């Protein structure tokens, strides 16, 4: 994993203009990341924990800058708020689906991180006690009920070799659209649990918008009627009245754009200091 990331970073540097200055770097990770020291505490679908990946990347890339590590869904929330569907909406929730499900919460224009930066683990909100087992060790988490594995399992495609990822999810949706009864039932079932999760979030946070990204973007487009139906009965009338349900305007690049925004934040807040430090010779006292 480290080798692949280093190779990708070096490729980006080689493609930059010769006089370009790299002001920051950030990595989106699908798991819990402690904000104080960028330590990956738990990655349920990658089986990693207590990992200082940012430090290792910084040493290997050799640009003389730290590599920040952030939860990928938090970065997605940041990106959609700054440049996507959530522009001009200061209270939004971003839901991101791949193998797992993550979430990022923007409250009053700021990312809600919680005490240690672990806030927004929406995928591990239990919606179906005693339901499908989750990689985190619990059962019935939103991730376990609406993630990629759940949809493929319900569609009878969970054991097909080589059938995974966004293409496999989109194949199920295409089959449902074409009239496949099993695929339609799978999408309806996943849509029900997703609608329940959204209803809970609407009741707790009163967001102005909920944005669906990753595979959840496709699932929402295929099950919007079911999701809205569950939301209509599961959420209180007042907070649901004005909430908008949207898909990620930045598409598959949402979390990458968020990482770039995060990495660039320091130079925007203090450009003179950052550029002076980066351009200074190694023996300079600056």
C-alpha atoms as a PDB file:
ATOM      1  CA  UNK A   1       0.000   0.000   0.000  1.00  0.00           C
ATOM      2  CA  UNK A   2       2.759   2.430   0.919  1.00  0.00           C
ATOM      3  CA  UNK A   3       4.625   1.745  -2.327  1.00  0.00           C
ATOM      4  CA  UNK A   4       1.534   2.410  -4.452  1.00  0.00           C
ATOM      5  CA  UNK A   5       0.803   5.690  -2.663  1.00  0.00           C
ATOM      6  CA  UNK A   6       4.399   6.899  -2.925  1.00  0.00           C
ATOM      7  CA  UNK A   7       4.508   6.080  -6.649  1.00  0.00           C
ATOM      8  CA  UNK A   8       1.259   7.973  -7.212  1.00  0.00           C
ATOM      9  CA  UNK A   9       2.506  11.020  -5.298  1.00  0.00           C
ATOM     10  CA  UNK A  10       5.803  11.108  -7.170  1.00  0.00           C
ATOM     11  CA  UNK A  11       3.945  10.881 -10.463  1.00  0.00           C
ATOM     12  CA  UNK A  12       1.906  13.955  -9.536  1.00  0.00           C
ATOM     13  CA  UNK A  13       5.062  15.858  -8.642  1.00  0.00           C
ATOM     14  CA  UNK A  14       6.726  14.953 -11.962  1.00  0.00           C
ATOM     15  CA  UNK A  15       3.713  16.237 -13.902  1.00  0.00           C
ATOM     16  CA  UNK A  16       3.698  19.605 -12.130  1.00  0.00           C
ATOM     17  CA  UNK A  17       5.285  22.723 -13.648  1.00  0.00           C
ATOM     18  CA  UNK A  18       9.018  23.005 -12.994  1.00  0.00           C
ATOM     19  CA  UNK A  19       8.636  26.112 -10.824  1.00  0.00           C
ATOM     20  CA  UNK A  20       5.619  24.784  -8.922  1.00  0.00           C
ATOM     21  CA  UNK A  21       5.791  24.622  -5.129  1.00  0.00           C
ATOM     22  CA  UNK A  22       4.069  21.775  -3.272  1.00  0.00           C
ATOM     23  CA  UNK A  23       2.406  23.431  -0.289  1.00  0.00           C
ATOM     24  CA  UNK A  24       0.759  20.385   1.228  1.00  0.00           C
ATOM     25  CA  UNK A  25      -0.382  16.800   0.867  1.00  0.00           C
ATOM     26  CA  UNK A  26      -3.337  14.916   2.293  1.00  0.00           C
ATOM     27  CA  UNK A  27      -4.527  11.323   2.215  1.00  0.00           C
ATOM     28  CA  UNK A  28      -8.131  10.210   2.514  1.00  0.00           C
ATOM     29  CA  UNK A  29      -8.540   7.003   4.530  1.00  0.00           C
ATOM     30  CA  UNK A  30     -11.738   4.938   5.021  1.00  0.00           C
ATOM     31  CA  UNK A  31     -11.618   4.625   8.791  1.00  0.00           C
ATOM     32  CA  UNK A  32     -11.162   6.473  12.077  1.00  0.00           C
ATOM     33  CA  UNK A  33      -8.247   8.908  12.185  1.00  0.00           C
ATOM     34  CA  UNK A  34      -7.101  10.748  15.317  1.00  0.00           C
ATOM     35  CA  UNK A  35      -6.851  14.412  14.390  1.00  0.00           C
ATOM     36  CA  UNK A  36      -4.167  15.350  16.955  1.00  0.00           C
ATOM     37  CA  UNK A  37      -1.431  13.205  15.348  1.00  0.00           C
ATOM     38  CA  UNK A  38      -3.054  11.803  12.163  1.00  0.00           C
ATOM     39  CA  UNK A  39      -2.892   8.257  13.530  1.00  0.00           C
ATOM     40  CA  UNK A  40      -5.155   5.743  11.799  1.00  0.00           C
ATOM     41  CA  UNK A  41      -6.907   4.117  14.735  1.00  0.00           C
ATOM     42  CA  UNK A  42      -9.124   1.645  12.907  1.00  0.00           C
ATOM     43  CA  UNK A  43      -9.798   0.666   9.312  1.00  0.00           C
ATOM     44  CA  UNK A  44     -12.438  -2.064   9.510  1.00  0.00           C
ATOM     45  CA  UNK A  45     -12.370  -3.017   5.832  1.00  0.00           C
ATOM     46  CA  UNK A  46      -8.567  -2.905   5.519  1.00  0.00           C
ATOM     47  CA  UNK A  47      -7.758  -4.629   8.827  1.00  0.00           C
ATOM     48  CA  UNK A  48      -5.335  -1.947   9.996  1.00  0.00           C
ATOM     49  CA  UNK A  49      -5.034   0.105  13.150  1.00  0.00           C
ATOM     50  CA  UNK A  50      -2.627   2.223  15.207  1.00  0.00           C
ATOM     51  CA  UNK A  51      -0.833   3.232  12.016  1.00  0.00           C
ATOM     52  CA  UNK A  52       1.141   6.458  11.353  1.00  0.00           C
ATOM     53  CA  UNK A  53       0.802   6.250   7.581  1.00  0.00           C
ATOM     54  CA  UNK A  54       1.233   9.995   7.066  1.00  0.00           C
ATOM     55  CA  UNK A  55       4.682  10.009   8.688  1.00  0.00           C
ATOM     56  CA  UNK A  56       5.825   7.085   6.562  1.00  0.00           C
ATOM     57  CA  UNK A  57       4.550   8.733   3.379  1.00  0.00           C
ATOM     58  CA  UNK A  58       6.206  12.032   4.222  1.00  0.00           C
ATOM     59  CA  UNK A  59       9.596  10.340   4.661  1.00  0.00           C
ATOM     60  CA  UNK A  60       9.307   8.281   1.484  1.00  0.00           C
ATOM     61  CA  UNK A  61       8.030  11.075  -0.769  1.00  0.00           C
ATOM     62  CA  UNK A  62      10.808  13.375   0.416  1.00  0.00           C
ATOM     63  CA  UNK A  63       9.243  16.789  -0.282  1.00  0.00           C
ATOM     64  CA  UNK A  64       9.979  18.138   3.173  1.00  0.00           C
ATOM     65  CA  UNK A  65       6.297  18.551   4.038  1.00  0.00           C
ATOM     66  CA  UNK A  66       4.006  16.538   6.298  1.00  0.00           C
ATOM     67  CA  UNK A  67       1.289  14.359   4.797  1.00  0.00           C
ATOM     68  CA  UNK A  68      -2.012  14.834   6.597  1.00  0.00           C
ATOM     69  CA  UNK A  69      -4.304  11.820   6.953  1.00  0.00           C
ATOM     70  CA  UNK A  70      -8.063  12.357   7.155  1.00  0.00           C
ATOM     71  CA  UNK A  71     -11.223  10.301   7.067  1.00  0.00           C
ATOM     72  CA  UNK A  72     -12.268  10.097   3.411  1.00  0.00           C
ATOM     73  CA  UNK A  73     -15.950  10.872   4.009  1.00  0.00           C
ATOM     74  CA  UNK A  74     -15.045  13.959   6.033  1.00  0.00           C
ATOM     75  CA  UNK A  75     -13.020  15.118   3.048  1.00  0.00           C
ATOM     76  CA  UNK A  76     -16.006  14.412   0.819  1.00  0.00           C
ATOM     77  CA  UNK A  77     -18.193  16.598   3.031  1.00  0.00           C
ATOM     78  CA  UNK A  78     -15.627  19.381   2.846  1.00  0.00           C
ATOM     79  CA  UNK A  79     -15.434  19.154  -0.954  1.00  0.00           C
ATOM     80  CA  UNK A  80     -19.184  19.103  -1.577  1.00  0.00           C
ATOM     81  CA  UNK A  81     -19.627  22.040   0.783  1.00  0.00           C
ATOM     82  CA  UNK A  82     -16.889  24.101  -0.861  1.00  0.00           C
ATOM     83  CA  UNK A  83     -17.306  23.162  -4.526  1.00  0.00           C
ATOM     84  CA  UNK A  84     -20.161  20.721  -5.035  1.00  0.00           C
ATOM     85  CA  UNK A  85     -23.840  20.256  -4.305  1.00  0.00           C
ATOM     86  CA  UNK A  86     -23.567  21.890  -0.880  1.00  0.00           C
ATOM     87  CA  UNK A  87     -22.266  25.300  -1.936  1.00  0.00           C
ATOM     88  CA  UNK A  88     -24.226  27.921   0.061  1.00  0.00           C
ATOM     89  CA  UNK A  89     -25.507  25.234   2.449  1.00  0.00           C
ATOM     90  CA  UNK A  90     -23.808  25.531   5.840  1.00  0.00           C
ATOM     91  CA  UNK A  91     -25.472  22.506   7.441  1.00  0.00           C
ATOM     92  CA  UNK A  92     -25.121  19.333   5.439  1.00  0.00           C
ATOM     93  CA  UNK A  93     -24.362  15.645   5.811  1.00  0.00           C
ATOM     94  CA  UNK A  94     -22.317  13.766   3.246  1.00  0.00           C
ATOM     95  CA  UNK A  95     -22.749   9.985   2.986  1.00  0.00           C
ATOM     96  CA  UNK A  96     -20.086   8.055   1.081  1.00  0.00           C
ATOM     97  CA  UNK A  97     -20.360   4.427   0.030  1.00  0.00           C
ATOM     98  CA  UNK A  98     -17.797   1.958  -1.271  1.00  0.00           C
ATOM     99  CA  UNK A  99     -17.151  -1.375   0.430  1.00  0.00           C
ATOM    100  CA  UNK A 100     -18.108   0.433   3.630  1.00  0.00           C
ATOM    101  CA  UNK A 101     -20.131   3.541   4.386  1.00  0.00           C
ATOM    102  CA  UNK A 102     -18.743   6.731   5.874  1.00  0.00           C
ATOM    103  CA  UNK A 103     -20.104  10.146   6.679  1.00  0.00           C
ATOM    104  CA  UNK A 104     -19.044  13.736   7.131  1.00  0.00           C
ATOM    105  CA  UNK A 105     -21.041  16.437   8.902  1.00  0.00           C
ATOM    106  CA  UNK A 106     -20.825  20.159   8.151  1.00  0.00           C
ATOM    107  CA  UNK A 107     -22.380  22.246  10.940  1.00  0.00           C
ATOM    108  CA  UNK A 108     -22.554  26.026  10.611  1.00  0.00           C
ATOM    109  CA  UNK A 109     -20.033  25.872   7.772  1.00  0.00           C
ATOM    110  CA  UNK A 110     -17.445  23.852   9.687  1.00  0.00           C
ATOM    111  CA  UNK A 111     -16.544  20.166   9.650  1.00  0.00           C
ATOM    112  CA  UNK A 112     -17.808  18.488  12.816  1.00  0.00           C
ATOM    113  CA  UNK A 113     -14.926  16.354  14.032  1.00  0.00           C
ATOM    114  CA  UNK A 114     -15.773  15.672  17.658  1.00  0.00           C
ATOM    115  CA  UNK A 115     -13.351  15.456  20.570  1.00  0.00           C
ATOM    116  CA  UNK A 116     -10.605  13.459  18.820  1.00  0.00           C
ATOM    117  CA  UNK A 117     -11.662  13.839  15.196  1.00  0.00           C
ATOM    118  CA  UNK A 118     -13.688  10.624  15.151  1.00  0.00           C
ATOM    119  CA  UNK A 119     -17.027  12.351  14.536  1.00  0.00           C
ATOM    120  CA  UNK A 120     -19.123  11.387  11.536  1.00  0.00           C
ATOM    121  CA  UNK A 121     -18.820   7.587  11.711  1.00  0.00           C
ATOM    122  CA  UNK A 122     -22.358   7.358  10.387  1.00  0.00           C
ATOM    123  CA  UNK A 123     -21.726   3.985   8.776  1.00  0.00           C
ATOM    124  CA  UNK A 124     -21.534   2.410  12.225  1.00  0.00           C
ATOM    125  CA  UNK A 125     -24.839   3.774  13.444  1.00  0.00           C
ATOM    126  CA  UNK A 126     -26.935   0.698  14.229  1.00  0.00           C
ATOM    127  CA  UNK A 127     -30.187   0.702  12.249  1.00  0.00           C
ATOM    128  CA  UNK A 128     -31.071  -2.992  12.467  1.00  0.00           C
ATOM    129  CA  UNK A 129     -30.147  -4.557  15.825  1.00  0.00           C
ATOM    130  CA  UNK A 130     -29.265  -8.195  15.272  1.00  0.00           C
ATOM    131  CA  UNK A 131     -28.950  -7.634  11.534  1.00  0.00           C
ATOM    132  CA  UNK A 132     -26.063  -8.358   9.188  1.00  0.00           C
ATOM    133  CA  UNK A 133     -22.602  -8.613  10.797  1.00  0.00           C
ATOM    134  CA  UNK A 134     -20.374  -5.577  10.284  1.00  0.00           C
ATOM    135  CA  UNK A 135     -16.601  -5.506   9.905  1.00  0.00           C
ATOM    136  CA  UNK A 136     -16.422  -3.338  13.028  1.00  0.00           C
ATOM    137  CA  UNK A 137     -17.667  -6.274  15.130  1.00  0.00           C
ATOM    138  CA  UNK A 138     -21.221  -5.056  15.634  1.00  0.00           C
ATOM    139  CA  UNK A 139     -24.396  -6.123  13.830  1.00  0.00           C
ATOM    140  CA  UNK A 140     -26.909  -4.152  11.825  1.00  0.00           C
ATOM    141  CA  UNK A 141     -24.749  -1.074  11.250  1.00  0.00           C
ATOM    142  CA  UNK A 142     -25.837   1.171   8.383  1.00  0.00           C
ATOM    143  CA  UNK A 143     -22.698   0.038   6.531  1.00  0.00           C
ATOM    144  CA  UNK A 144     -23.655  -3.608   6.931  1.00  0.00           C
ATOM    145  CA  UNK A 145     -27.191  -3.014   5.651  1.00  0.00           C
ATOM    146  CA  UNK A 146     -26.580  -0.628   2.716  1.00  0.00           C
ATOM    147  CA  UNK A 147     -22.943  -1.134   1.702  1.00  0.00           C
ATOM    148  CA  UNK A 148     -21.665  -2.863  -1.410  1.00  0.00           C
ATOM    149  CA  UNK A 149     -21.589  -6.317   0.183  1.00  0.00           C
ATOM    150  CA  UNK A 150     -25.208  -6.064   1.346  1.00  0.00           C
ATOM    151  CA  UNK A 151     -26.528  -5.048  -2.065  1.00  0.00           C
ATOM    152  CA  UNK A 152     -24.596  -7.772  -3.898  1.00  0.00           C
ATOM    153  CA  UNK A 153     -25.655 -10.387  -1.343  1.00  0.00           C
ATOM    154  CA  UNK A 154     -29.342  -9.536  -1.611  1.00  0.00           C
ATOM    155  CA  UNK A 155     -29.067  -9.535  -5.413  1.00  0.00           C
ATOM    156  CA  UNK A 156     -27.576 -13.049  -5.325  1.00  0.00           C
ATOM    157  CA  UNK A 157     -24.177 -11.854  -6.527  1.00  0.00           C
ATOM    158  CA  UNK A 158     -22.186 -11.849  -3.335  1.00  0.00           C
ATOM    159  CA  UNK A 159     -20.184 -14.969  -4.107  1.00  0.00           C
ATOM    160  CA  UNK A 160     -19.375 -14.251  -7.768  1.00  0.00           C
ATOM    161  CA  UNK A 161     -15.565 -14.158  -8.226  1.00  0.00           C
ATOM    162  CA  UNK A 162     -14.251 -10.878  -9.546  1.00  0.00           C
ATOM    163  CA  UNK A 163     -17.622  -9.158  -9.123  1.00  0.00           C
ATOM    164  CA  UNK A 164     -17.101  -6.310  -6.690  1.00  0.00           C
ATOM    165  CA  UNK A 165     -16.667  -2.573  -6.566  1.00  0.00           C
ATOM    166  CA  UNK A 166     -18.659   0.193  -8.179  1.00  0.00           C
ATOM    167  CA  UNK A 167     -19.057  -1.628 -11.477  1.00  0.00           C
ATOM    168  CA  UNK A 168     -20.723  -4.559  -9.715  1.00  0.00           C
ATOM    169  CA  UNK A 169     -23.070  -2.199  -7.861  1.00  0.00           C
ATOM    170  CA  UNK A 170     -23.960  -0.443 -11.094  1.00  0.00           C
ATOM    171  CA  UNK A 171     -24.618  -3.822 -12.749  1.00  0.00           C
ATOM    172  CA  UNK A 172     -27.231  -4.585 -10.071  1.00  0.00           C
ATOM    173  CA  UNK A 173     -28.843  -1.195 -10.604  1.00  0.00           C
ATOM    174  CA  UNK A 174     -28.900  -1.707 -14.360  1.00  0.00           C
ATOM    175  CA  UNK A 175     -30.533  -5.116 -13.869  1.00  0.00           C
ATOM    176  CA  UNK A 176     -33.137  -3.604 -11.560  1.00  0.00           C
ATOM    177  CA  UNK A 177     -33.877  -0.904 -14.116  1.00  0.00           C
ATOM    178  CA  UNK A 178     -34.286  -3.592 -16.771  1.00  0.00           C
ATOM    179  CA  UNK A 179     -36.878  -5.425 -14.676  1.00  0.00           C
ATOM    180  CA  UNK A 180     -34.829  -8.057 -12.807  1.00  0.00           C
ATOM    181  CA  UNK A 181     -37.067  -8.912  -9.830  1.00  0.00           C
ATOM    182  CA  UNK A 182     -34.234 -10.063  -7.541  1.00  0.00           C
ATOM    183  CA  UNK A 183     -32.171  -6.960  -8.270  1.00  0.00           C
ATOM    184  CA  UNK A 184     -35.207  -4.747  -7.685  1.00  0.00           C
ATOM    185  CA  UNK A 185     -35.931  -6.392  -4.347  1.00  0.00           C
ATOM    186  CA  UNK A 186     -32.283  -6.003  -3.314  1.00  0.00           C
ATOM    187  CA  UNK A 187     -32.352  -2.306  -4.176  1.00  0.00           C
ATOM    188  CA  UNK A 188     -35.671  -1.839  -2.357  1.00  0.00           C
ATOM    189  CA  UNK A 189     -34.297  -3.527   0.753  1.00  0.00           C
ATOM    190  CA  UNK A 190     -31.112  -1.471   0.799  1.00  0.00           C
ATOM    191  CA  UNK A 191     -33.100   1.686   0.077  1.00  0.00           C
ATOM    192  CA  UNK A 192     -35.300   1.018   3.096  1.00  0.00           C
ATOM    193  CA  UNK A 193     -32.348   0.849   5.476  1.00  0.00           C
ATOM    194  CA  UNK A 194     -30.695   3.855   3.867  1.00  0.00           C
ATOM    195  CA  UNK A 195     -33.915   5.837   4.244  1.00  0.00           C
ATOM    196  CA  UNK A 196     -34.082   4.884   7.923  1.00  0.00           C
ATOM    197  CA  UNK A 197     -30.487   6.007   8.436  1.00  0.00           C
ATOM    198  CA  UNK A 198     -31.186   9.330   6.736  1.00  0.00           C
ATOM    199  CA  UNK A 199     -34.323   9.810   8.851  1.00  0.00           C
ATOM    200  CA  UNK A 200     -32.292   9.343  12.040  1.00  0.00           C
ATOM    201  CA  UNK A 201     -29.699  11.854  10.832  1.00  0.00           C
ATOM    202  CA  UNK A 202     -32.367  14.381   9.921  1.00  0.00           C
ATOM    203  CA  UNK A 203     -33.915  14.078  13.383  1.00  0.00           C
ATOM    204  CA  UNK A 204     -30.583  14.481  15.176  1.00  0.00           C
ATOM    205  CA  UNK A 205     -28.797  17.117  13.071  1.00  0.00           C
ATOM    206  CA  UNK A 206     -31.542  18.981  11.165  1.00  0.00           C
ATOM    207  CA  UNK A 207     -29.349  19.342   8.052  1.00  0.00           C
ATOM    208  CA  UNK A 208     -30.340  21.535   5.136  1.00  0.00           C
ATOM    209  CA  UNK A 209     -29.041  18.895   2.746  1.00  0.00           C
ATOM    210  CA  UNK A 210     -27.975  15.251   2.625  1.00  0.00           C
ATOM    211  CA  UNK A 211     -25.509  14.434  -0.171  1.00  0.00           C
ATOM    212  CA  UNK A 212     -24.939  10.882  -1.443  1.00  0.00           C
ATOM    213  CA  UNK A 213     -21.519  10.021  -2.862  1.00  0.00           C
ATOM    214  CA  UNK A 214     -19.549   6.977  -3.992  1.00  0.00           C
ATOM    215  CA  UNK A 215     -21.766   3.942  -4.578  1.00  0.00           C
ATOM    216  CA  UNK A 216     -24.492   5.564  -2.471  1.00  0.00           C
ATOM    217  CA  UNK A 217     -24.848   8.103  -5.253  1.00  0.00           C
ATOM    218  CA  UNK A 218     -25.914   5.300  -7.600  1.00  0.00           C
ATOM    219  CA  UNK A 219     -28.064   3.591  -4.971  1.00  0.00           C
ATOM    220  CA  UNK A 220     -29.894   6.822  -4.221  1.00  0.00           C
ATOM    221  CA  UNK A 221     -30.629   7.383  -7.911  1.00  0.00           C
ATOM    222  CA  UNK A 222     -32.058   3.859  -8.132  1.00  0.00           C
ATOM    223  CA  UNK A 223     -34.020   3.907  -4.867  1.00  0.00           C
ATOM    224  CA  UNK A 224     -34.911   7.584  -4.388  1.00  0.00           C
ATOM    225  CA  UNK A 225     -38.652   6.912  -4.100  1.00  0.00           C
ATOM    226  CA  UNK A 226     -38.156   4.276  -1.380  1.00  0.00           C
ATOM    227  CA  UNK A 227     -35.660   6.420   0.532  1.00  0.00           C
ATOM    228  CA  UNK A 228     -37.982   9.433   0.451  1.00  0.00           C
ATOM    229  CA  UNK A 229     -40.936   7.275   1.509  1.00  0.00           C
ATOM    230  CA  UNK A 230     -39.097   6.002   4.604  1.00  0.00           C
ATOM    231  CA  UNK A 231     -37.855   9.511   5.359  1.00  0.00           C
ATOM    232  CA  UNK A 232     -41.425  10.814   5.222  1.00  0.00           C
ATOM    233  CA  UNK A 233     -42.551   8.397   7.946  1.00  0.00           C
ATOM    234  CA  UNK A 234     -39.338   8.074   9.959  1.00  0.00           C
ATOM    235  CA  UNK A 235     -38.303  11.708  10.394  1.00  0.00           C
ATOM    236  CA  UNK A 236     -40.079  14.433  12.318  1.00  0.00           C
ATOM    237  CA  UNK A 237     -42.070  16.786  10.122  1.00  0.00           C
ATOM    238  CA  UNK A 238     -40.260  19.977  11.140  1.00  0.00           C
ATOM    239  CA  UNK A 239     -36.636  18.953  10.366  1.00  0.00           C
ATOM    240  CA  UNK A 240     -37.554  17.032   7.205  1.00  0.00           C
ATOM    241  CA  UNK A 241     -39.672  19.838   5.761  1.00  0.00           C
ATOM    242  CA  UNK A 242     -36.853  21.684   4.015  1.00  0.00           C
ATOM    243  CA  UNK A 243     -34.087  19.066   3.825  1.00  0.00           C
ATOM    244  CA  UNK A 244     -32.817  18.468   0.295  1.00  0.00           C
ATOM    245  CA  UNK A 245     -31.516  15.103  -0.893  1.00  0.00           C
ATOM    246  CA  UNK A 246     -28.785  15.451  -3.522  1.00  0.00           C
ATOM    247  CA  UNK A 247     -26.062  13.417  -5.229  1.00  0.00           C
ATOM    248  CA  UNK A 248     -22.397  14.421  -5.151  1.00  0.00           C
ATOM    249  CA  UNK A 249     -21.790  17.011  -7.877  1.00  0.00           C
ATOM    250  CA  UNK A 250     -18.080  16.149  -7.929  1.00  0.00           C
ATOM    251  CA  UNK A 251     -18.783  12.498  -8.741  1.00  0.00           C
ATOM    252  CA  UNK A 252     -16.016   9.976  -8.138  1.00  0.00           C
ATOM    253  CA  UNK A 253     -13.516  12.778  -7.444  1.00  0.00           C
ATOM    254  CA  UNK A 254     -15.302  14.094  -4.361  1.00  0.00           C
ATOM    255  CA  UNK A 255     -12.928  12.737  -1.708  1.00  0.00           C
ATOM    256  CA  UNK A 256      -9.845  13.607  -3.800  1.00  0.00           C
ATOM    257  CA  UNK A 257     -11.014  17.201  -4.165  1.00  0.00           C
ATOM    258  CA  UNK A 258     -11.585  17.267  -0.405  1.00  0.00           C
ATOM    259  CA  UNK A 259      -8.026  16.074   0.236  1.00  0.00           C
ATOM    260  CA  UNK A 260      -6.687  18.837  -2.010  1.00  0.00           C
ATOM    261  CA  UNK A 261      -8.809  21.434  -0.200  1.00  0.00           C
ATOM    262  CA  UNK A 262      -7.538  20.197   3.157  1.00  0.00           C
ATOM    263  CA  UNK A 263      -3.893  20.202   2.051  1.00  0.00           C
ATOM    264  CA  UNK A 264      -4.214  23.707   0.630  1.00  0.00           C
ATOM    265  CA  UNK A 265      -5.954  25.198   3.688  1.00  0.00           C
ATOM    266  CA  UNK A 266      -2.769  26.382   5.410  1.00  0.00           C
ATOM    267  CA  UNK A 267      -1.488  28.360   2.442  1.00  0.00           C
ATOM    268  CA  UNK A 268      -4.875  30.074   2.152  1.00  0.00           C
ATOM    269  CA  UNK A 269      -4.849  31.072   5.825  1.00  0.00           C
ATOM    270  CA  UNK A 270      -1.204  32.295   5.872  1.00  0.00           C
ATOM    271  CA  UNK A 271       0.282  32.333   2.349  1.00  0.00           C
ATOM    272  CA  UNK A 272       3.324  34.484   3.087  1.00  0.00           C
ATOM    273  CA  UNK A 273       4.525  32.339   5.980  1.00  0.00           C
ATOM    274  CA  UNK A 274       3.958  29.061   4.153  1.00  0.00           C
ATOM    275  CA  UNK A 275       5.643  30.069   0.904  1.00  0.00           C
ATOM    276  CA  UNK A 276       8.561  31.683   2.759  1.00  0.00           C
ATOM    277  CA  UNK A 277       9.136  28.475   4.685  1.00  0.00           C
ATOM    278  CA  UNK A 278       8.906  26.261   1.615  1.00  0.00           C
ATOM    279  CA  UNK A 279      11.194  28.396  -0.568  1.00  0.00           C
ATOM    280  CA  UNK A 280      13.814  28.996   2.121  1.00  0.00           C
ATOM    281  CA  UNK A 281      17.208  27.245   1.687  1.00  0.00           C
ATOM    282  CA  UNK A 282      17.815  24.312   4.038  1.00  0.00           C
ATOM    283  CA  UNK A 283      20.399  26.266   6.048  1.00  0.00           C
ATOM    284  CA  UNK A 284      18.137  29.305   6.413  1.00  0.00           C
ATOM    285  CA  UNK A 285      16.943  30.184   9.938  1.00  0.00           C
ATOM    286  CA  UNK A 286      13.445  30.950   8.505  1.00  0.00           C
END
